[in-house]
Every structure is written in C-alpha cells, then in structure tokens.
C-alpha cells in the first residue's frame, strides 16, 4: 500500500493484535518520525524519557498517559504533548491507537 500521495483512514493502517503492541512507521526521516501504534487492553510502554518533545494523538480508544508521575486520561480525538527529558509512560485503559510524532530538530 503506497502511503505517499494517497488518502488513508489512519485508524485502518494498523490492526489490533491480542496481547500486543503493533507499530507502523509512516515517515522516518533524520529530523523525525511519524508512527502509528495499536495497543491491546492492558498493554503499554514503560516509563522512559526522550531528548525531544513527543506529540501523541489518540485515534481510537482511550489511553492513560503518565507524565512526570501525573496520569492523564486521553481519548479518541484528543492529543497530548510529552515534553523532552521528562519521564512518561503509556497504558491502554481500553485498547487504543495513537499517532506519535517526534521531531528531532
């Protein structure tokens, strides 16, 4: 499936998988990445930091995004920015899909 130059429904570009996290890189450039993820219920990404801001848009479902120890409930249609060098983690309250945009420049 050719992504560039064609219209797509974002939530259909990555499927849910039982007990798993699935990712599909849409853009991978030196200056940053755009990646679509699906998380089955109960799955997540453990606490970590990155040296640049990370933009997350929930495209389906609901996630708990914890930034510097403070939990945030983020649902489909909402976004949150995880600041550079601050610990954060994500957990699937319900299964969810998210678009992650990281700009390195």
Protein backbone atom coordinates (compact mmCIF):
# COMPACT_ATOMS: atom_id res chain seq x y z
CA UNK A 1 0.00 0.00 0.00
CA UNK A 2 1.54 3.28 -1.12
CA UNK A 3 1.10 5.89 1.61
CA UNK A 4 2.63 8.93 -0.06
CA UNK A 5 0.26 10.86 -2.28
CA UNK A 6 -2.81 8.79 -1.36
CA UNK A 7 -5.60 9.43 1.16
CA UNK A 8 -5.95 6.92 4.00
CA UNK A 9 -8.05 6.41 7.12
CA UNK A 10 -5.46 6.48 9.87
CA UNK A 11 -7.19 4.02 12.20
CA UNK A 12 -7.24 1.40 9.42
CA UNK A 13 -3.48 1.49 8.78
CA UNK A 14 -2.61 -0.63 11.83
CA UNK A 15 -4.63 -3.52 13.27
CA UNK A 16 -5.08 -4.61 16.86
CA UNK A 17 -3.33 -7.83 17.90
CA UNK A 18 -4.32 -9.77 21.03
CA UNK A 19 -1.97 -9.08 23.93
CA UNK A 20 0.34 -6.95 21.81
CA UNK A 21 1.55 -3.54 20.74
CA UNK A 22 1.78 -3.08 16.97
CA UNK A 23 3.52 -0.20 15.22
CA UNK A 24 3.72 1.06 11.65
CA UNK A 25 6.19 3.77 10.71
CA UNK A 26 4.60 6.21 8.30
CA UNK A 27 7.52 8.64 7.96
CA UNK A 28 11.13 8.05 9.04
CA UNK A 29 13.47 10.96 8.38
CA UNK A 30 16.61 12.27 10.03
CA UNK A 31 14.61 15.17 11.51
CA UNK A 32 11.84 12.99 12.96
CA UNK A 33 9.35 10.17 12.71
CA UNK A 34 5.61 9.65 12.43
CA UNK A 35 4.48 6.27 13.75
CA UNK A 36 1.04 4.74 14.18
CA UNK A 37 0.58 2.31 17.09
CA UNK A 38 -2.14 -0.03 18.33
CA UNK A 39 -2.19 -1.26 21.93
CA UNK A 40 -4.38 -4.10 23.14
CA UNK A 41 -6.10 -3.56 26.51
CA UNK A 42 -3.60 -3.71 29.38
CA UNK A 43 -0.58 -3.18 27.12
CA UNK A 44 1.68 -0.13 27.27
CA UNK A 45 5.09 1.43 27.11
CA UNK A 46 7.03 1.51 30.38
CA UNK A 47 8.39 4.74 31.82
CA UNK A 48 11.16 6.30 29.75
CA UNK A 49 12.50 9.67 28.57
CA UNK A 50 13.46 11.01 25.16
CA UNK A 51 15.57 14.09 24.37
CA UNK A 52 12.79 15.80 22.33
CA UNK A 53 9.09 16.57 22.65
CA UNK A 54 6.68 13.84 21.55
CA UNK A 55 3.20 14.63 20.18
CA UNK A 56 0.57 11.91 20.68
CA UNK A 57 -2.89 11.93 19.12
CA UNK A 58 -5.32 9.18 20.12
CA UNK A 59 -7.18 7.99 17.02
CA UNK A 60 -9.22 5.20 18.64
CA UNK A 61 -9.94 4.06 22.20
CA UNK A 62 -8.50 5.50 25.39
CA UNK A 63 -5.05 5.67 26.99
CA UNK A 64 -3.58 6.67 30.29
CA UNK A 65 -0.52 8.81 29.67
CA UNK A 66 1.56 9.49 32.76
CA UNK A 67 3.96 12.42 32.55
CA UNK A 68 6.36 13.03 35.45
CA UNK A 69 4.14 10.90 37.71
CA UNK A 70 0.87 12.68 36.79
CA UNK A 71 -1.71 10.49 34.99
CA UNK A 72 -3.80 11.92 32.12
CA UNK A 73 -6.76 10.20 30.50
CA UNK A 74 -6.59 10.78 26.74
CA UNK A 75 -9.37 9.56 24.43
CA UNK A 76 -10.01 9.35 20.69
CA UNK A 77 -9.79 12.79 19.11
CA UNK A 78 -7.57 14.17 21.87
CA UNK A 79 -3.85 14.84 21.90
CA UNK A 80 -1.12 15.37 24.46
CA UNK A 81 2.50 16.52 24.24
CA UNK A 82 5.07 14.65 26.30
CA UNK A 83 7.92 17.10 26.99
CA UNK A 84 11.56 16.33 26.30
CA UNK A 85 13.64 14.81 29.10
CA UNK A 86 10.61 14.23 31.37
CA UNK A 87 9.70 10.63 32.32
CA UNK A 88 6.49 9.37 30.72
CA UNK A 89 4.64 6.12 30.13
CA UNK A 90 1.50 4.95 28.31
CA UNK A 91 -1.03 2.28 29.24
CA UNK A 92 -4.12 1.02 27.42
CA UNK A 93 -7.14 1.57 29.67
CA UNK A 94 -9.08 0.14 26.72
CA UNK A 95 -7.38 -0.87 23.54
CA UNK A 96 -6.30 2.21 21.65
CA UNK A 97 -4.48 3.51 18.59
CA UNK A 98 -2.24 6.54 18.59
CA UNK A 99 -0.21 8.61 16.21
CA UNK A 100 3.22 9.50 17.60
CA UNK A 101 5.12 12.41 16.06
CA UNK A 102 8.68 13.07 17.18
CA UNK A 103 10.67 15.97 15.75
CA UNK A 104 14.39 15.72 16.43
CA UNK A 105 15.45 19.11 15.04
